[in-house]
């Protein structure tokens, strides 16, 4: 299954924390479940598995008492998953989960990344998480409520979800410090814009991309201390996976051939952490 018009879907998707409580139409649920089950690899090759988790009323009450479920209203169905522990596991999970979320959006469903506020215990039991796997984040999925809850509006305001960093802070030409002007991005303009408007933990947008010839180098700029409270879970690495997902899907939609490769950029990136490069094929 494919995500129809990823660029338009990326533009349309917003975080939804208020659901109307209706069960999913059987056909839509089957389509979503089928997509989850075939979504098993990220760009770095770590095995992924995703499934739909349907919580009972008692389980929803337990989560709400723990302060986890309180940010979501009216949802009983969640997309949960696991990634095998390994190098770049977080990036692979972010890539795979964002593909799930975009596909759910094409089905007319609401979603919301839940990572930092997530109490994982109940969900790890539901999917049988092993000691060799991570579950960095989940998402509720369902029909959006017509009116957003006060909690939903408050979270959106606190996260500044309607604001994104400008181009000149995210995309560079040949080296850091040399912003890539949007008008000079050519066919990659819509691709980079799809990355720019992507979701990220606390809307930090930790990705930086440097165009060098026919390659686009991806770097992570960490927020000091951001991930310390979450143990082995690194949400800003998950965010990088979201950026990779948006870049790849948008490039594919526009017929731009390329692949993910490890490269040695010919410049000093300072404190920026190199992740991976997209090499364009002619």
Protein backbone atom coordinates (compact mmCIF):
# COMPACT_ATOMS: atom_id res chain seq x y z
CA UNK A 1 0.00 0.00 0.00
CA UNK A 2 1.12 3.52 -0.77
CA UNK A 3 0.51 6.89 0.84
CA UNK A 4 -1.44 8.92 -1.71
CA UNK A 5 0.10 12.33 -2.38
CA UNK A 6 2.51 12.43 0.57
CA UNK A 7 3.27 16.14 0.06
CA UNK A 8 -0.39 17.12 0.40
CA UNK A 9 -0.88 14.70 3.29
CA UNK A 10 2.12 16.18 5.14
CA UNK A 11 0.63 19.65 4.66
CA UNK A 12 -2.78 18.60 5.93
CA UNK A 13 -1.85 16.53 8.97
CA UNK A 14 -2.14 18.14 12.40
CA UNK A 15 -1.90 16.64 15.87
CA UNK A 16 -5.31 15.50 17.11
CA UNK A 17 -5.95 14.88 20.81
CA UNK A 18 -9.77 15.08 20.69
CA UNK A 19 -11.66 12.14 19.17
CA UNK A 20 -15.40 11.52 18.82
CA UNK A 21 -15.26 7.98 20.24
CA UNK A 22 -16.72 6.16 17.23
CA UNK A 23 -15.17 2.77 16.39
CA UNK A 24 -13.35 2.65 13.07
CA UNK A 25 -15.21 1.47 10.00
CA UNK A 26 -14.23 -2.18 9.44
CA UNK A 27 -12.79 -1.56 5.97
CA UNK A 28 -10.70 1.39 7.16
CA UNK A 29 -9.44 -0.58 10.13
CA UNK A 30 -8.44 -3.47 7.84
CA UNK A 31 -6.57 -1.10 5.51
CA UNK A 32 -4.71 0.50 8.39
CA UNK A 33 -3.86 -2.83 9.98
CA UNK A 34 -2.56 -4.17 6.66
CA UNK A 35 -0.33 -1.12 6.23
CA UNK A 36 1.11 -1.49 9.74
CA UNK A 37 1.96 -5.13 9.19
CA UNK A 38 3.94 -4.50 5.99
CA UNK A 39 5.81 -1.52 7.44
CA UNK A 40 8.76 -3.47 8.86
CA UNK A 41 11.99 -1.65 7.96
CA UNK A 42 13.48 1.81 8.19
CA UNK A 43 16.36 3.28 6.18
CA UNK A 44 18.96 1.85 8.60
CA UNK A 45 17.52 -1.67 8.49
CA UNK A 46 16.43 -2.17 12.11
CA UNK A 47 13.39 -4.50 12.27
CA UNK A 48 10.11 -2.72 13.04
CA UNK A 49 6.72 -4.06 14.06
CA UNK A 50 3.50 -2.12 14.55
CA UNK A 51 0.00 -3.07 15.61
CA UNK A 52 -3.34 -1.60 16.59
CA UNK A 53 -3.97 -1.69 20.34
CA UNK A 54 -7.59 -1.45 21.49
CA UNK A 55 -7.87 -0.43 25.14
CA UNK A 56 -10.74 -1.50 27.35
CA UNK A 57 -12.62 1.07 29.42
CA UNK A 58 -10.76 -0.11 32.54
CA UNK A 59 -7.39 0.25 30.81
CA UNK A 60 -8.26 3.76 29.65
CA UNK A 61 -9.22 4.68 33.22
CA UNK A 62 -5.89 3.30 34.47
CA UNK A 63 -3.93 5.36 31.97
CA UNK A 64 -5.87 8.50 32.82
CA UNK A 65 -5.11 8.02 36.53
CA UNK A 66 -1.41 7.80 35.65
CA UNK A 67 -1.60 11.12 33.85
CA UNK A 68 -0.79 9.67 30.44
CA UNK A 69 -4.13 9.35 28.75
CA UNK A 70 -5.37 12.70 30.06
CA UNK A 71 -3.94 14.57 27.07
CA UNK A 72 -6.15 12.50 24.74
CA UNK A 73 -9.93 12.56 24.80
CA UNK A 74 -12.27 9.98 23.27
CA UNK A 75 -9.74 7.53 21.78
CA UNK A 76 -9.56 3.82 22.59
CA UNK A 77 -7.48 2.69 19.61
CA UNK A 78 -3.73 3.29 19.37
CA UNK A 79 -0.89 2.57 16.97
CA UNK A 80 1.93 1.06 19.03
CA UNK A 81 5.12 -0.55 17.90
CA UNK A 82 8.62 -1.75 18.61
CA UNK A 83 12.05 -1.51 17.05
CA UNK A 84 14.93 -3.90 17.65
CA UNK A 85 17.73 -2.33 19.68
CA UNK A 86 20.60 -1.31 17.47
CA UNK A 87 22.44 1.67 15.94
CA UNK A 88 19.96 4.24 14.59
CA UNK A 89 17.00 2.34 16.06
CA UNK A 90 15.30 5.61 17.08
CA UNK A 91 15.59 7.04 13.58
CA UNK A 92 14.13 3.88 12.05
CA UNK A 93 11.21 3.97 14.48
CA UNK A 94 10.49 7.63 13.76
CA UNK A 95 10.58 6.91 10.03
CA UNK A 96 8.25 3.93 10.31
CA UNK A 97 5.76 5.47 12.73
CA UNK A 98 5.47 8.64 10.64
CA UNK A 99 4.64 6.51 7.60
CA UNK A 100 1.84 4.93 9.68
CA UNK A 101 0.57 8.32 10.76
CA UNK A 102 0.56 9.71 7.22
CA UNK A 103 -1.28 6.65 5.92
CA UNK A 104 -3.89 7.03 8.70
CA UNK A 105 -4.27 10.67 7.64
CA UNK A 106 -5.09 9.60 4.07
CA UNK A 107 -7.91 7.48 5.56
CA UNK A 108 -9.42 10.57 7.21
CA UNK A 109 -8.20 9.66 10.70
CA UNK A 110 -6.68 11.81 13.43
CA UNK A 111 -3.36 10.98 15.10
CA UNK A 112 -0.94 12.46 17.61
CA UNK A 113 2.63 11.56 18.49
CA UNK A 114 2.90 10.61 22.18
CA UNK A 115 6.41 10.11 23.46
CA UNK A 116 7.55 12.30 26.34
CA UNK A 117 4.24 12.17 28.25
CA UNK A 118 3.80 8.46 27.64
CA UNK A 119 3.57 5.88 30.41
CA UNK A 120 4.69 2.87 28.38
CA UNK A 121 3.93 0.04 30.84
CA UNK A 122 0.40 -0.79 29.66
CA UNK A 123 1.33 -0.66 25.99
CA UNK A 124 4.48 -2.73 26.38
CA UNK A 125 2.34 -5.52 27.87
CA UNK A 126 -0.20 -5.25 25.06
CA UNK A 127 2.36 -5.74 22.30
CA UNK A 128 4.65 -8.10 24.21
CA UNK A 129 7.70 -5.83 24.09
CA UNK A 130 10.89 -7.84 24.56
CA UNK A 131 14.04 -6.79 26.41
CA UNK A 132 15.73 -6.43 23.01
CA UNK A 133 13.23 -3.86 21.73
CA UNK A 134 12.34 -0.19 22.24
CA UNK A 135 8.89 1.43 22.07
CA UNK A 136 9.77 5.12 21.70
CA UNK A 137 6.27 6.48 21.01
CA UNK A 138 2.67 5.63 20.19
CA UNK A 139 -0.27 7.44 18.60
CA UNK A 140 -4.02 7.42 19.23
CA UNK A 141 -5.97 6.94 16.03
CA UNK A 142 -9.63 7.63 15.31
CA UNK A 143 -12.16 10.08 13.96
CA UNK A 144 -11.39 13.66 15.06
CA UNK A 145 -13.98 15.35 17.25
CA UNK A 146 -15.68 18.38 15.72
CA UNK A 147 -14.57 20.54 18.64
CA UNK A 148 -11.12 20.39 20.23
CA UNK A 149 -10.93 19.94 24.00
CA UNK A 150 -9.39 22.61 26.23
CA UNK A 151 -6.48 20.23 26.87
CA UNK A 152 -5.93 19.82 23.13
CA UNK A 153 -5.88 23.57 22.55
CA UNK A 154 -3.56 24.12 25.54
CA UNK A 155 -1.04 21.51 24.36
CA UNK A 156 -1.07 22.96 20.85
CA UNK A 157 -0.41 26.44 22.26
CA UNK A 158 2.39 25.28 24.59
CA UNK A 159 4.10 23.31 21.84
CA UNK A 160 3.76 26.24 19.39
CA UNK A 161 2.47 23.62 16.94
CA UNK A 162 1.45 26.20 14.36
CA UNK A 163 4.97 27.66 14.16
CA UNK A 164 7.99 26.22 12.40
CA UNK A 165 11.56 27.45 12.02
CA UNK A 166 12.26 29.44 8.85
CA UNK A 167 14.22 28.00 5.95
CA UNK A 168 17.41 29.87 6.74
CA UNK A 169 17.71 28.13 10.12
CA UNK A 170 17.32 24.61 8.73
CA UNK A 171 18.74 24.32 5.21
CA UNK A 172 22.21 25.24 4.00
CA UNK A 173 24.24 25.26 0.79
CA UNK A 174 27.66 23.56 0.73
CA UNK A 175 28.47 24.34 4.39
CA UNK A 176 26.96 25.44 7.71
CA UNK A 177 26.33 29.17 7.99
CA UNK A 178 25.46 29.54 4.30
CA UNK A 179 21.63 29.40 4.13
CA UNK A 180 20.04 27.77 1.11
CA UNK A 181 17.54 30.22 -0.36
CA UNK A 182 14.19 28.65 -1.16
CA UNK A 183 14.30 30.00 -4.71
CA UNK A 184 17.62 28.21 -5.24
CA UNK A 185 16.41 24.80 -4.09
CA UNK A 186 15.05 23.87 -7.51
CA UNK A 187 13.01 20.67 -7.65
CA UNK A 188 13.90 20.02 -4.02
CA UNK A 189 11.94 23.05 -2.82
CA UNK A 190 8.75 21.07 -2.03
CA UNK A 191 10.86 18.22 -0.60
CA UNK A 192 12.64 20.46 1.91
CA UNK A 193 9.40 22.26 2.74
CA UNK A 194 7.87 18.87 3.58
CA UNK A 195 10.73 18.37 6.05
CA UNK A 196 10.43 21.88 7.48
CA UNK A 197 6.75 21.50 8.44
CA UNK A 198 7.19 18.05 9.99
CA UNK A 199 6.28 17.35 13.63
CA UNK A 200 8.93 17.04 16.33
CA UNK A 201 9.11 16.69 20.11
CA UNK A 202 8.27 20.07 21.68
CA UNK A 203 8.47 21.46 18.13
CA UNK A 204 12.27 21.70 18.45
CA UNK A 205 12.97 20.70 14.82
CA UNK A 206 16.45 19.31 15.55
CA UNK A 207 17.27 18.50 11.91
CA UNK A 208 19.67 20.48 9.71
CA UNK A 209 20.27 19.69 6.05
CA UNK A 210 23.24 20.76 3.94
CA UNK A 211 23.13 20.46 0.16
CA UNK A 212 26.53 19.59 -1.29
CA UNK A 213 26.49 18.97 -5.01
CA UNK A 214 23.95 16.20 -5.68
CA UNK A 215 23.87 15.10 -2.03
CA UNK A 216 21.84 16.27 0.96
CA UNK A 217 23.52 15.68 4.32
CA UNK A 218 21.32 15.32 7.42
CA UNK A 219 22.54 16.46 10.83
CA UNK A 220 21.07 16.35 14.33
CA UNK A 221 21.33 19.41 16.58
CA UNK A 222 20.53 18.20 20.08
CA UNK A 223 18.83 20.28 22.75
CA UNK A 224 21.14 19.90 25.80
CA UNK A 225 19.58 17.67 28.47
CA UNK A 226 16.37 17.10 26.50
CA UNK A 227 16.46 13.29 26.53
CA UNK A 228 17.91 12.70 29.99
CA UNK A 229 14.58 11.87 31.68
CA UNK A 230 13.66 9.14 29.18
CA UNK A 231 16.51 6.70 29.71
CA UNK A 232 17.42 4.95 26.48
CA UNK A 233 14.65 6.65 24.51
CA UNK A 234 15.97 9.53 22.42
CA UNK A 235 13.07 11.52 21.03
CA UNK A 236 15.21 13.89 19.00
CA UNK A 237 16.64 10.91 17.15
CA UNK A 238 13.05 9.80 16.53
CA UNK A 239 12.46 13.30 15.11
CA UNK A 240 15.29 12.73 12.65
CA UNK A 241 13.49 9.63 11.41
CA UNK A 242 10.40 11.77 10.76
CA UNK A 243 12.52 14.17 8.71
CA UNK A 244 13.98 11.28 6.68
CA UNK A 245 10.48 9.93 6.05
CA UNK A 246 9.16 13.26 4.78
CA UNK A 247 12.19 13.83 2.54
CA UNK A 248 12.04 10.37 0.97
CA UNK A 249 8.27 10.34 0.41
CA UNK A 250 8.22 13.83 -1.09
CA UNK A 251 11.18 13.08 -3.38
CA UNK A 252 9.52 9.87 -4.52
CA UNK A 253 6.25 11.65 -5.30
CA UNK A 254 8.14 14.14 -7.49
CA UNK A 255 9.98 11.35 -9.31
CA UNK A 256 13.39 12.25 -7.85
CA UNK A 257 15.49 9.09 -7.68
CA UNK A 258 17.97 8.66 -4.85
CA UNK A 259 19.04 6.57 -1.89
CA UNK A 260 20.28 6.83 1.70
CA UNK A 261 24.04 6.50 2.07
CA UNK A 262 26.76 7.11 4.63
CA UNK A 263 29.16 9.80 3.44
CA UNK A 264 31.97 11.98 4.73
CA UNK A 265 30.87 15.61 4.19
CA UNK A 266 33.81 17.78 3.20
CA UNK A 267 33.32 20.49 5.80
CA UNK A 268 33.44 21.04 9.55
CA UNK A 269 29.95 20.62 11.05
CA UNK A 270 30.99 21.66 14.56
CA UNK A 271 28.61 20.29 17.19
CA UNK A 272 26.12 19.06 14.61
CA UNK A 273 25.92 15.23 14.58
CA UNK A 274 26.04 13.64 11.16
CA UNK A 275 23.26 11.10 10.56
CA UNK A 276 22.97 10.14 6.88
CA UNK A 277 23.00 11.52 3.33
CA UNK A 278 20.57 11.36 0.45
CA UNK A 279 22.42 10.82 -2.83
CA UNK A 280 20.50 11.76 -5.96
CA UNK A 281 20.63 9.33 -8.87
CA UNK A 282 20.59 10.70 -12.42
